[in-house]
């Protein structure tokens, strides 16, 4: 009888744990941070790529004013739990080069849905400020939000006259 009671309690606990919503995290990126930090407001990360590699559905990344290299994002959110990258001050977070993986786009979103980019200033991309590539069932295009973000059509000079 004790065995049945223990098994029932474990089954109830497992049901509670699997049905409980995951807690969304808040992260911070700052020009004075370090990627060995925890990504909190007190111990921010240095690069947007570190944030992109760590985020999950429902997470928010606040980007402090400064100039940053871009990032590649392959993790998507959900309809109920978007992934959000937001500038602390509109236009204060400037992304003017591609990320560490050498993409031609400053922000490269690949097969990820339910992403919000808010208040970023994206410029000087070799190809596109924000590039989106989807697989057959990814819905980023129909679920993309770029609120108050600006991707400018300014390209870096290249060639013999630059």
C-alpha atoms as a PDB file:
ATOM      1  CA  UNK A   1       0.000   0.000   0.000  1.00  0.00           C
ATOM      2  CA  UNK A   2       2.874   2.386   0.746  1.00  0.00           C
ATOM      3  CA  UNK A   3       4.220   1.686  -2.739  1.00  0.00           C
ATOM      4  CA  UNK A   4       0.935   2.777  -4.371  1.00  0.00           C
ATOM      5  CA  UNK A   5       0.832   5.969  -2.286  1.00  0.00           C
ATOM      6  CA  UNK A   6       4.397   6.861  -3.231  1.00  0.00           C
ATOM      7  CA  UNK A   7       3.764   6.154  -6.910  1.00  0.00           C
ATOM      8  CA  UNK A   8       0.617   8.288  -6.856  1.00  0.00           C
ATOM      9  CA  UNK A   9       2.474  11.171  -5.225  1.00  0.00           C
ATOM     10  CA  UNK A  10       5.278  10.918  -7.784  1.00  0.00           C
ATOM     11  CA  UNK A  11       2.761  10.858 -10.647  1.00  0.00           C
ATOM     12  CA  UNK A  12       1.032  13.950  -9.238  1.00  0.00           C
ATOM     13  CA  UNK A  13       4.350  15.761  -8.825  1.00  0.00           C
ATOM     14  CA  UNK A  14       5.393  14.841 -12.373  1.00  0.00           C
ATOM     15  CA  UNK A  15       2.085  16.154 -13.694  1.00  0.00           C
ATOM     16  CA  UNK A  16       2.494  19.435 -11.857  1.00  0.00           C
ATOM     17  CA  UNK A  17       6.068  19.882 -13.053  1.00  0.00           C
ATOM     18  CA  UNK A  18       5.312  19.130 -16.697  1.00  0.00           C
ATOM     19  CA  UNK A  19       2.199  21.310 -16.820  1.00  0.00           C
ATOM     20  CA  UNK A  20       3.777  24.294 -15.055  1.00  0.00           C
ATOM     21  CA  UNK A  21       4.694  27.050 -17.516  1.00  0.00           C
ATOM     22  CA  UNK A  22       8.369  27.698 -17.975  1.00  0.00           C
ATOM     23  CA  UNK A  23       9.515  30.902 -16.393  1.00  0.00           C
ATOM     24  CA  UNK A  24      10.681  33.493 -18.889  1.00  0.00           C
ATOM     25  CA  UNK A  25      14.099  34.996 -18.261  1.00  0.00           C
ATOM     26  CA  UNK A  26      15.292  38.577 -18.635  1.00  0.00           C
ATOM     27  CA  UNK A  27      18.817  39.166 -19.888  1.00  0.00           C
ATOM     28  CA  UNK A  28      20.941  42.261 -20.464  1.00  0.00           C
ATOM     29  CA  UNK A  29      23.701  42.998 -22.990  1.00  0.00           C
ATOM     30  CA  UNK A  30      26.051  45.952 -22.446  1.00  0.00           C
ATOM     31  CA  UNK A  31      29.242  47.275 -24.077  1.00  0.00           C
ATOM     32  CA  UNK A  32      30.851  46.950 -20.628  1.00  0.00           C
ATOM     33  CA  UNK A  33      29.673  43.370 -20.030  1.00  0.00           C
ATOM     34  CA  UNK A  34      31.416  40.020 -20.364  1.00  0.00           C
ATOM     35  CA  UNK A  35      30.178  36.846 -22.012  1.00  0.00           C
ATOM     36  CA  UNK A  36      31.381  34.919 -18.969  1.00  0.00           C
ATOM     37  CA  UNK A  37      28.786  36.816 -16.867  1.00  0.00           C
ATOM     38  CA  UNK A  38      25.290  35.520 -16.138  1.00  0.00           C
ATOM     39  CA  UNK A  39      23.519  38.052 -18.393  1.00  0.00           C
ATOM     40  CA  UNK A  40      21.656  39.808 -15.573  1.00  0.00           C
ATOM     41  CA  UNK A  41      21.307  43.597 -15.358  1.00  0.00           C
ATOM     42  CA  UNK A  42      24.065  43.586 -12.728  1.00  0.00           C
ATOM     43  CA  UNK A  43      26.317  41.174 -14.695  1.00  0.00           C
ATOM     44  CA  UNK A  44      25.446  41.740 -18.372  1.00  0.00           C
ATOM     45  CA  UNK A  45      26.790  39.921 -21.394  1.00  0.00           C
ATOM     46  CA  UNK A  46      29.055  41.686 -23.869  1.00  0.00           C
ATOM     47  CA  UNK A  47      27.757  40.291 -27.163  1.00  0.00           C
ATOM     48  CA  UNK A  48      24.375  39.855 -28.759  1.00  0.00           C
ATOM     49  CA  UNK A  49      25.505  36.447 -30.014  1.00  0.00           C
ATOM     50  CA  UNK A  50      25.824  35.240 -26.411  1.00  0.00           C
ATOM     51  CA  UNK A  51      22.219  36.309 -25.817  1.00  0.00           C
ATOM     52  CA  UNK A  52      21.032  34.701 -29.069  1.00  0.00           C
ATOM     53  CA  UNK A  53      22.717  31.428 -28.082  1.00  0.00           C
ATOM     54  CA  UNK A  54      20.982  31.395 -24.661  1.00  0.00           C
ATOM     55  CA  UNK A  55      17.428  32.688 -25.201  1.00  0.00           C
ATOM     56  CA  UNK A  56      14.308  30.586 -25.235  1.00  0.00           C
ATOM     57  CA  UNK A  57      10.574  31.182 -25.620  1.00  0.00           C
ATOM     58  CA  UNK A  58       9.337  34.052 -23.455  1.00  0.00           C
ATOM     59  CA  UNK A  59      12.795  35.506 -22.815  1.00  0.00           C
ATOM     60  CA  UNK A  60      13.583  39.214 -23.168  1.00  0.00           C
ATOM     61  CA  UNK A  61      17.014  40.639 -23.938  1.00  0.00           C
ATOM     62  CA  UNK A  62      17.468  44.318 -23.048  1.00  0.00           C
ATOM     63  CA  UNK A  63      20.282  45.916 -25.031  1.00  0.00           C
ATOM     64  CA  UNK A  64      21.999  48.873 -23.383  1.00  0.00           C
ATOM     65  CA  UNK A  65      23.075  51.843 -25.513  1.00  0.00           C
ATOM     66  CA  UNK A  66      26.204  51.116 -27.522  1.00  0.00           C
ATOM     67  CA  UNK A  67      27.550  49.727 -30.777  1.00  0.00           C
ATOM     68  CA  UNK A  68      27.394  45.970 -31.322  1.00  0.00           C
ATOM     69  CA  UNK A  69      28.183  43.263 -33.816  1.00  0.00           C
ATOM     70  CA  UNK A  70      25.087  41.449 -35.028  1.00  0.00           C
ATOM     71  CA  UNK A  71      23.937  37.921 -34.293  1.00  0.00           C
ATOM     72  CA  UNK A  72      22.451  34.754 -35.739  1.00  0.00           C
ATOM     73  CA  UNK A  73      19.269  33.480 -34.078  1.00  0.00           C
ATOM     74  CA  UNK A  74      18.060  29.934 -34.621  1.00  0.00           C
ATOM     75  CA  UNK A  75      15.797  29.598 -31.579  1.00  0.00           C
ATOM     76  CA  UNK A  76      12.196  30.668 -31.890  1.00  0.00           C
ATOM     77  CA  UNK A  77       9.510  31.648 -29.455  1.00  0.00           C
ATOM     78  CA  UNK A  78       5.853  30.619 -29.454  1.00  0.00           C
ATOM     79  CA  UNK A  79       2.610  32.473 -30.087  1.00  0.00           C
ATOM     80  CA  UNK A  80       2.194  32.880 -26.322  1.00  0.00           C
ATOM     81  CA  UNK A  81       5.898  33.367 -25.497  1.00  0.00           C
ATOM     82  CA  UNK A  82       7.788  35.485 -27.985  1.00  0.00           C
ATOM     83  CA  UNK A  83      11.548  36.046 -27.838  1.00  0.00           C
ATOM     84  CA  UNK A  84      12.171  39.792 -27.551  1.00  0.00           C
ATOM     85  CA  UNK A  85      15.328  41.812 -28.238  1.00  0.00           C
ATOM     86  CA  UNK A  86      14.671  45.400 -27.092  1.00  0.00           C
ATOM     87  CA  UNK A  87      16.866  48.508 -27.005  1.00  0.00           C
ATOM     88  CA  UNK A  88      16.980  50.141 -23.575  1.00  0.00           C
ATOM     89  CA  UNK A  89      16.545  53.468 -25.377  1.00  0.00           C
ATOM     90  CA  UNK A  90      15.035  53.564 -28.868  1.00  0.00           C
ATOM     91  CA  UNK A  91      17.874  53.760 -31.396  1.00  0.00           C
ATOM     92  CA  UNK A  92      20.536  53.585 -28.684  1.00  0.00           C
ATOM     93  CA  UNK A  93      21.499  49.996 -29.492  1.00  0.00           C
ATOM     94  CA  UNK A  94      23.327  50.211 -32.825  1.00  0.00           C
ATOM     95  CA  UNK A  95      24.172  47.061 -34.770  1.00  0.00           C
ATOM     96  CA  UNK A  96      26.568  47.985 -37.560  1.00  0.00           C
ATOM     97  CA  UNK A  97      28.458  44.789 -38.404  1.00  0.00           C
ATOM     98  CA  UNK A  98      27.600  41.158 -38.926  1.00  0.00           C
ATOM     99  CA  UNK A  99      27.920  38.720 -36.071  1.00  0.00           C
ATOM    100  CA  UNK A 100      30.852  36.479 -35.220  1.00  0.00           C
ATOM    101  CA  UNK A 101      29.789  33.860 -37.741  1.00  0.00           C
ATOM    102  CA  UNK A 102      30.409  36.176 -40.691  1.00  0.00           C
ATOM    103  CA  UNK A 103      26.856  36.362 -42.045  1.00  0.00           C
ATOM    104  CA  UNK A 104      26.189  38.932 -44.755  1.00  0.00           C
ATOM    105  CA  UNK A 105      23.235  40.166 -42.651  1.00  0.00           C
ATOM    106  CA  UNK A 106      23.740  42.021 -39.387  1.00  0.00           C
ATOM    107  CA  UNK A 107      20.866  40.120 -37.780  1.00  0.00           C
ATOM    108  CA  UNK A 108      20.293  36.694 -39.282  1.00  0.00           C
ATOM    109  CA  UNK A 109      17.134  34.859 -38.213  1.00  0.00           C
ATOM    110  CA  UNK A 110      17.104  31.271 -39.409  1.00  0.00           C
ATOM    111  CA  UNK A 111      14.063  28.989 -39.129  1.00  0.00           C
ATOM    112  CA  UNK A 112      12.796  30.809 -36.036  1.00  0.00           C
ATOM    113  CA  UNK A 113       9.306  32.155 -35.381  1.00  0.00           C
ATOM    114  CA  UNK A 114       7.709  34.594 -32.938  1.00  0.00           C
ATOM    115  CA  UNK A 115      10.626  37.013 -32.594  1.00  0.00           C
ATOM    116  CA  UNK A 116      10.294  40.716 -31.720  1.00  0.00           C
ATOM    117  CA  UNK A 117      13.023  43.277 -32.447  1.00  0.00           C
ATOM    118  CA  UNK A 118      12.197  46.553 -30.716  1.00  0.00           C
ATOM    119  CA  UNK A 119      14.002  49.896 -31.016  1.00  0.00           C
ATOM    120  CA  UNK A 120      17.228  48.654 -32.641  1.00  0.00           C
ATOM    121  CA  UNK A 121      19.229  50.721 -35.138  1.00  0.00           C
ATOM    122  CA  UNK A 122      20.627  48.283 -37.721  1.00  0.00           C
ATOM    123  CA  UNK A 123      22.903  49.674 -40.439  1.00  0.00           C
ATOM    124  CA  UNK A 124      25.965  49.153 -42.657  1.00  0.00           C
ATOM    125  CA  UNK A 125      25.126  45.550 -43.542  1.00  0.00           C
ATOM    126  CA  UNK A 126      26.868  43.826 -46.413  1.00  0.00           C
ATOM    127  CA  UNK A 127      23.515  42.442 -47.612  1.00  0.00           C
ATOM    128  CA  UNK A 128      20.522  43.083 -45.307  1.00  0.00           C
ATOM    129  CA  UNK A 129      20.200  44.685 -41.910  1.00  0.00           C
ATOM    130  CA  UNK A 130      17.807  41.948 -40.851  1.00  0.00           C
ATOM    131  CA  UNK A 131      17.860  38.751 -42.907  1.00  0.00           C
ATOM    132  CA  UNK A 132      15.192  36.093 -42.459  1.00  0.00           C
ATOM    133  CA  UNK A 133      15.435  32.528 -43.722  1.00  0.00           C
ATOM    134  CA  UNK A 134      12.653  30.101 -42.966  1.00  0.00           C
ATOM    135  CA  UNK A 135      12.127  26.427 -43.442  1.00  0.00           C
ATOM    136  CA  UNK A 136       8.865  25.166 -44.912  1.00  0.00           C
ATOM    137  CA  UNK A 137       6.872  25.356 -41.695  1.00  0.00           C
ATOM    138  CA  UNK A 138       8.567  28.209 -39.861  1.00  0.00           C
ATOM    139  CA  UNK A 139       6.260  31.187 -39.606  1.00  0.00           C
ATOM    140  CA  UNK A 140       8.629  34.030 -38.883  1.00  0.00           C
ATOM    141  CA  UNK A 141       7.476  36.227 -41.718  1.00  0.00           C
ATOM    142  CA  UNK A 142       3.863  36.150 -40.613  1.00  0.00           C
ATOM    143  CA  UNK A 143       4.774  36.430 -36.938  1.00  0.00           C
ATOM    144  CA  UNK A 144       7.677  38.890 -37.147  1.00  0.00           C
ATOM    145  CA  UNK A 145       7.542  42.156 -35.335  1.00  0.00           C
ATOM    146  CA  UNK A 146      10.050  44.894 -35.694  1.00  0.00           C
ATOM    147  CA  UNK A 147       8.681  47.666 -33.516  1.00  0.00           C
ATOM    148  CA  UNK A 148      10.474  50.982 -33.621  1.00  0.00           C
ATOM    149  CA  UNK A 149      13.546  49.269 -35.112  1.00  0.00           C
ATOM    150  CA  UNK A 150      15.242  50.792 -38.101  1.00  0.00           C
ATOM    151  CA  UNK A 151      17.214  48.922 -40.711  1.00  0.00           C
ATOM    152  CA  UNK A 152      18.862  51.550 -42.887  1.00  0.00           C
ATOM    153  CA  UNK A 153      19.848  50.940 -46.497  1.00  0.00           C
ATOM    154  CA  UNK A 154      23.379  52.194 -45.992  1.00  0.00           C
ATOM    155  CA  UNK A 155      26.160  49.902 -47.156  1.00  0.00           C
ATOM    156  CA  UNK A 156      29.835  49.856 -46.303  1.00  0.00           C
ATOM    157  CA  UNK A 157      32.044  51.110 -49.091  1.00  0.00           C
ATOM    158  CA  UNK A 158      34.129  48.433 -50.747  1.00  0.00           C
ATOM    159  CA  UNK A 159      36.376  48.150 -53.742  1.00  0.00           C
ATOM    160  CA  UNK A 160      39.268  50.211 -55.031  1.00  0.00           C
ATOM    161  CA  UNK A 161      37.654  53.578 -54.216  1.00  0.00           C
ATOM    162  CA  UNK A 162      36.749  52.911 -50.577  1.00  0.00           C
END
